[in-house]
Amino acid sequence: MGNTLDGDSNAPPHMVNVSAFYMQKTEVTKAEWDAVRDWGLGHGYSDLGYGAGTAAEYPIEAVSWYEAVKWCNARSEQDGLTPCYYTDAAQTAVF
């Protein structure tokens, strides 16, 4: 992690270990987005965007990075996992 390409010395390359994590094999579909969005809205996740999609089985489009992060937290909670994206060092989850 880090680089020296921009001439900034505050980010030297260094080794980082990443613990185990889950990753979906395919893009999130519009149907998956809608299902988690509906769950999230009923569980404290406000303002999750609708996004767009050509059809239910096509990938979700037109969502912001912040909406995607909130959606990932909602998906984690829905699956009984701990949200992993936070807004501060006190680990306040992004809702």
N, C-alpha and C. Protein backbone atom coordinates (compact mmCIF):
# COMPACT_ATOMS: atom_id res chain seq x y z
N MET A 1 0.85 -1.16 0.00
CA MET A 1 0.00 0.00 0.00
C MET A 1 0.90 1.23 0.00
N GLY A 2 0.40 2.33 -0.55
CA GLY A 2 1.17 3.57 -0.63
C GLY A 2 1.83 3.69 -1.99
N ASN A 3 2.44 4.84 -2.23
CA ASN A 3 3.19 5.05 -3.47
C ASN A 3 4.10 6.24 -3.32
N THR A 4 5.05 6.33 -4.23
CA THR A 4 5.97 7.48 -4.25
C THR A 4 5.89 8.18 -5.60
N LEU A 5 4.92 7.82 -6.42
CA LEU A 5 4.83 8.37 -7.77
C LEU A 5 4.46 9.83 -7.80
N ASP A 6 3.73 10.31 -6.78
CA ASP A 6 3.29 11.70 -6.77
C ASP A 6 4.27 12.63 -6.05
N GLY A 7 5.40 12.09 -5.62
CA GLY A 7 6.38 12.90 -4.93
C GLY A 7 6.04 13.21 -3.48
N ASP A 8 4.93 12.69 -3.00
CA ASP A 8 4.50 12.91 -1.61
C ASP A 8 5.13 11.84 -0.74
N SER A 9 5.94 12.25 0.22
CA SER A 9 6.66 11.27 1.04
C SER A 9 5.85 10.75 2.24
N ASN A 10 4.60 11.19 2.39
CA ASN A 10 3.83 10.73 3.54
C ASN A 10 3.07 9.43 3.26
N ALA A 11 3.30 8.80 2.12
CA ALA A 11 2.62 7.55 1.79
C ALA A 11 3.62 6.54 1.23
N PRO A 12 4.65 6.19 1.99
CA PRO A 12 5.64 5.25 1.46
C PRO A 12 5.04 3.85 1.26
N PRO A 13 5.49 3.14 0.26
CA PRO A 13 5.01 1.77 0.06
C PRO A 13 5.32 0.91 1.29
N HIS A 14 4.34 0.12 1.69
CA HIS A 14 4.53 -0.79 2.82
C HIS A 14 3.56 -1.96 2.71
N MET A 15 3.91 -3.06 3.35
CA MET A 15 3.08 -4.26 3.32
C MET A 15 1.86 -4.10 4.22
N VAL A 16 0.73 -4.63 3.78
CA VAL A 16 -0.51 -4.60 4.56
C VAL A 16 -1.14 -5.99 4.44
N ASN A 17 -1.58 -6.54 5.57
CA ASN A 17 -2.31 -7.80 5.55
C ASN A 17 -3.80 -7.51 5.64
N VAL A 18 -4.57 -8.15 4.80
CA VAL A 18 -6.01 -7.98 4.79
C VAL A 18 -6.63 -9.27 5.32
N SER A 19 -7.50 -9.13 6.31
CA SER A 19 -8.16 -10.32 6.86
C SER A 19 -9.20 -10.83 5.87
N ALA A 20 -9.74 -11.99 6.17
CA ALA A 20 -10.72 -12.61 5.28
C ALA A 20 -11.93 -11.70 5.08
N PHE A 21 -12.51 -11.78 3.90
CA PHE A 21 -13.69 -10.99 3.60
C PHE A 21 -14.51 -11.74 2.55
N TYR A 22 -15.76 -11.35 2.40
CA TYR A 22 -16.64 -11.95 1.42
C TYR A 22 -16.76 -11.02 0.22
N MET A 23 -16.84 -11.63 -0.95
CA MET A 23 -17.03 -10.86 -2.16
C MET A 23 -18.00 -11.63 -3.06
N GLN A 24 -18.92 -10.93 -3.62
CA GLN A 24 -19.88 -11.55 -4.52
C GLN A 24 -19.21 -11.83 -5.86
N LYS A 25 -19.58 -12.92 -6.52
CA LYS A 25 -18.97 -13.30 -7.79
C LYS A 25 -19.41 -12.43 -8.96
N THR A 26 -20.60 -11.85 -8.86
CA THR A 26 -21.13 -11.06 -9.96
C THR A 26 -21.50 -9.66 -9.48
N GLU A 27 -21.80 -8.78 -10.43
CA GLU A 27 -22.25 -7.45 -10.09
C GLU A 27 -23.58 -7.53 -9.33
N VAL A 28 -23.86 -6.52 -8.52
CA VAL A 28 -25.15 -6.44 -7.82
C VAL A 28 -26.22 -6.09 -8.84
N THR A 29 -27.26 -6.89 -8.89
CA THR A 29 -28.34 -6.63 -9.84
C THR A 29 -29.30 -5.59 -9.26
N LYS A 30 -30.12 -5.06 -10.14
CA LYS A 30 -31.16 -4.11 -9.71
C LYS A 30 -32.10 -4.78 -8.71
N ALA A 31 -32.44 -6.04 -8.93
CA ALA A 31 -33.33 -6.77 -8.01
C ALA A 31 -32.67 -6.94 -6.64
N GLU A 32 -31.37 -7.27 -6.61
CA GLU A 32 -30.67 -7.40 -5.32
C GLU A 32 -30.60 -6.06 -4.61
N TRP A 33 -30.29 -5.02 -5.37
CA TRP A 33 -30.22 -3.67 -4.79
C TRP A 33 -31.55 -3.31 -4.13
N ASP A 34 -32.65 -3.53 -4.87
CA ASP A 34 -33.97 -3.17 -4.37
C ASP A 34 -34.34 -3.96 -3.11
N ALA A 35 -34.01 -5.25 -3.08
CA ALA A 35 -34.34 -6.08 -1.92
C ALA A 35 -33.60 -5.61 -0.67
N VAL A 36 -32.30 -5.33 -0.80
CA VAL A 36 -31.53 -4.86 0.36
C VAL A 36 -31.94 -3.43 0.71
N ARG A 37 -32.22 -2.61 -0.29
CA ARG A 37 -32.67 -1.23 -0.04
C ARG A 37 -33.96 -1.25 0.78
N ASP A 38 -34.92 -2.07 0.38
CA ASP A 38 -36.18 -2.16 1.12
C ASP A 38 -35.95 -2.61 2.56
N TRP A 39 -35.08 -3.60 2.75
CA TRP A 39 -34.76 -4.07 4.10
C TRP A 39 -34.09 -2.94 4.88
N GLY A 40 -33.13 -2.28 4.26
CA GLY A 40 -32.39 -1.22 4.93
C GLY A 40 -33.27 -0.07 5.38
N LEU A 41 -34.21 0.33 4.53
CA LEU A 41 -35.09 1.44 4.89
C LEU A 41 -35.93 1.11 6.13
N GLY A 42 -36.20 -0.15 6.36
CA GLY A 42 -36.95 -0.57 7.54
C GLY A 42 -36.08 -0.82 8.75
N HIS A 43 -34.75 -0.69 8.58
CA HIS A 43 -33.82 -0.98 9.67
C HIS A 43 -32.81 0.15 9.90
N GLY A 44 -33.25 1.37 9.73
CA GLY A 44 -32.41 2.51 10.10
C GLY A 44 -31.52 3.09 9.01
N TYR A 45 -31.55 2.53 7.83
CA TYR A 45 -30.75 3.07 6.73
C TYR A 45 -31.62 4.04 5.92
N SER A 46 -31.43 5.30 6.19
CA SER A 46 -32.23 6.30 5.49
C SER A 46 -31.55 6.68 4.18
N ASP A 47 -32.27 7.26 3.33
CA ASP A 47 -31.82 7.82 2.04
C ASP A 47 -30.97 6.90 1.17
N LEU A 48 -31.27 5.61 1.15
CA LEU A 48 -30.63 4.73 0.18
C LEU A 48 -31.28 4.99 -1.18
N GLY A 49 -30.47 5.33 -2.15
CA GLY A 49 -31.00 5.69 -3.45
C GLY A 49 -31.63 4.53 -4.20
N TYR A 50 -32.48 4.88 -5.17
CA TYR A 50 -33.14 3.88 -6.00
C TYR A 50 -32.18 3.24 -6.99
N GLY A 51 -31.24 4.03 -7.49
CA GLY A 51 -30.38 3.54 -8.55
C GLY A 51 -31.17 3.33 -9.82
N ALA A 52 -30.52 2.76 -10.80
CA ALA A 52 -31.17 2.48 -12.07
C ALA A 52 -30.68 1.14 -12.57
N GLY A 53 -31.44 0.56 -13.45
CA GLY A 53 -31.06 -0.71 -14.05
C GLY A 53 -31.92 -0.96 -15.27
N THR A 54 -31.35 -1.58 -16.27
CA THR A 54 -32.08 -1.88 -17.50
C THR A 54 -33.24 -2.82 -17.21
N ALA A 55 -32.99 -3.78 -16.34
CA ALA A 55 -34.02 -4.75 -15.91
C ALA A 55 -33.56 -5.34 -14.59
N ALA A 56 -34.43 -6.09 -13.93
CA ALA A 56 -34.14 -6.64 -12.60
C ALA A 56 -32.86 -7.47 -12.57
N GLU A 57 -32.58 -8.19 -13.65
CA GLU A 57 -31.41 -9.08 -13.65
C GLU A 57 -30.13 -8.41 -14.17
N TYR A 58 -30.22 -7.12 -14.48
CA TYR A 58 -29.05 -6.37 -14.94
C TYR A 58 -28.38 -5.66 -13.77
N PRO A 59 -27.09 -5.33 -13.91
CA PRO A 59 -26.38 -4.64 -12.81
C PRO A 59 -27.01 -3.29 -12.47
N ILE A 60 -26.93 -2.94 -11.20
CA ILE A 60 -27.41 -1.64 -10.72
C ILE A 60 -26.52 -0.55 -11.32
N GLU A 61 -27.09 0.59 -11.61
CA GLU A 61 -26.36 1.73 -12.16
C GLU A 61 -26.78 3.00 -11.42
N ALA A 62 -26.00 4.03 -11.60
CA ALA A 62 -26.33 5.38 -11.13
C ALA A 62 -26.52 5.46 -9.62
N VAL A 63 -25.60 4.85 -8.88
CA VAL A 63 -25.58 5.02 -7.43
C VAL A 63 -24.25 5.66 -7.06
N SER A 64 -24.27 6.48 -6.04
CA SER A 64 -23.04 7.14 -5.60
C SER A 64 -22.21 6.16 -4.77
N TRP A 65 -20.95 6.51 -4.58
CA TRP A 65 -20.06 5.70 -3.73
C TRP A 65 -20.65 5.62 -2.31
N TYR A 66 -21.14 6.73 -1.80
CA TYR A 66 -21.70 6.76 -0.45
C TYR A 66 -22.93 5.86 -0.36
N GLU A 67 -23.79 5.86 -1.37
CA GLU A 67 -24.95 4.97 -1.37
C GLU A 67 -24.51 3.51 -1.42
N ALA A 68 -23.48 3.22 -2.20
CA ALA A 68 -22.97 1.85 -2.28
C ALA A 68 -22.41 1.38 -0.94
N VAL A 69 -21.71 2.27 -0.24
CA VAL A 69 -21.17 1.93 1.08
C VAL A 69 -22.30 1.64 2.06
N LYS A 70 -23.31 2.50 2.08
CA LYS A 70 -24.46 2.27 2.98
C LYS A 70 -25.16 0.97 2.61
N TRP A 71 -25.31 0.70 1.32
CA TRP A 71 -25.96 -0.53 0.88
C TRP A 71 -25.16 -1.75 1.35
N CYS A 72 -23.85 -1.68 1.24
CA CYS A 72 -23.00 -2.79 1.70
C CYS A 72 -23.16 -3.03 3.20
N ASN A 73 -23.24 -1.96 3.98
CA ASN A 73 -23.48 -2.12 5.42
C ASN A 73 -24.83 -2.76 5.68
N ALA A 74 -25.85 -2.32 4.96
CA ALA A 74 -27.19 -2.90 5.13
C ALA A 74 -27.17 -4.38 4.74
N ARG A 75 -26.51 -4.69 3.65
CA ARG A 75 -26.42 -6.09 3.20
C ARG A 75 -25.72 -6.95 4.25
N SER A 76 -24.65 -6.42 4.83
CA SER A 76 -23.94 -7.15 5.88
C SER A 76 -24.85 -7.43 7.06
N GLU A 77 -25.54 -6.40 7.52
CA GLU A 77 -26.45 -6.58 8.66
C GLU A 77 -27.57 -7.55 8.33
N GLN A 78 -28.12 -7.45 7.15
CA GLN A 78 -29.19 -8.35 6.73
C GLN A 78 -28.71 -9.80 6.77
N ASP A 79 -27.44 -10.03 6.45
CA ASP A 79 -26.87 -11.37 6.46
C ASP A 79 -26.30 -11.77 7.83
N GLY A 80 -26.54 -10.93 8.86
CA GLY A 80 -26.07 -11.25 10.21
C GLY A 80 -24.60 -10.95 10.45
N LEU A 81 -24.01 -10.12 9.59
CA LEU A 81 -22.60 -9.74 9.72
C LEU A 81 -22.49 -8.33 10.27
N THR A 82 -21.31 -7.97 10.72
CA THR A 82 -21.06 -6.63 11.25
C THR A 82 -20.74 -5.69 10.09
N PRO A 83 -21.37 -4.52 10.05
CA PRO A 83 -21.02 -3.55 9.00
C PRO A 83 -19.54 -3.20 9.07
N CYS A 84 -18.92 -2.95 7.93
CA CYS A 84 -17.48 -2.70 7.95
C CYS A 84 -17.09 -1.31 7.48
N TYR A 85 -18.03 -0.47 7.10
CA TYR A 85 -17.71 0.90 6.68
C TYR A 85 -18.17 1.87 7.75
N TYR A 86 -17.26 2.76 8.16
CA TYR A 86 -17.52 3.67 9.27
C TYR A 86 -17.29 5.12 8.86
N THR A 87 -17.92 6.02 9.63
CA THR A 87 -17.78 7.45 9.34
C THR A 87 -16.69 8.11 10.17
N ASP A 88 -16.17 7.40 11.19
CA ASP A 88 -15.17 8.01 12.05
C ASP A 88 -14.34 6.94 12.76
N ALA A 89 -13.33 7.36 13.50
CA ALA A 89 -12.46 6.44 14.21
C ALA A 89 -13.17 5.68 15.31
N ALA A 90 -14.30 6.20 15.79
CA ALA A 90 -15.07 5.51 16.82
C ALA A 90 -15.91 4.39 16.22
N GLN A 91 -15.74 4.16 14.93
CA GLN A 91 -16.42 3.11 14.18
C GLN A 91 -17.94 3.25 14.24
N THR A 92 -18.41 4.46 13.96
CA THR A 92 -19.84 4.71 13.81
C THR A 92 -20.22 4.24 12.41
N ALA A 93 -21.08 3.25 12.32
CA ALA A 93 -21.43 2.69 11.02
C ALA A 93 -22.14 3.72 10.15
N VAL A 94 -21.92 3.64 8.86
CA VAL A 94 -22.58 4.53 7.90
C VAL A 94 -24.00 4.04 7.71
N PHE A 95 -24.97 4.89 8.06
CA PHE A 95 -26.39 4.55 7.87
C PHE A 95 -26.98 5.45 6.84
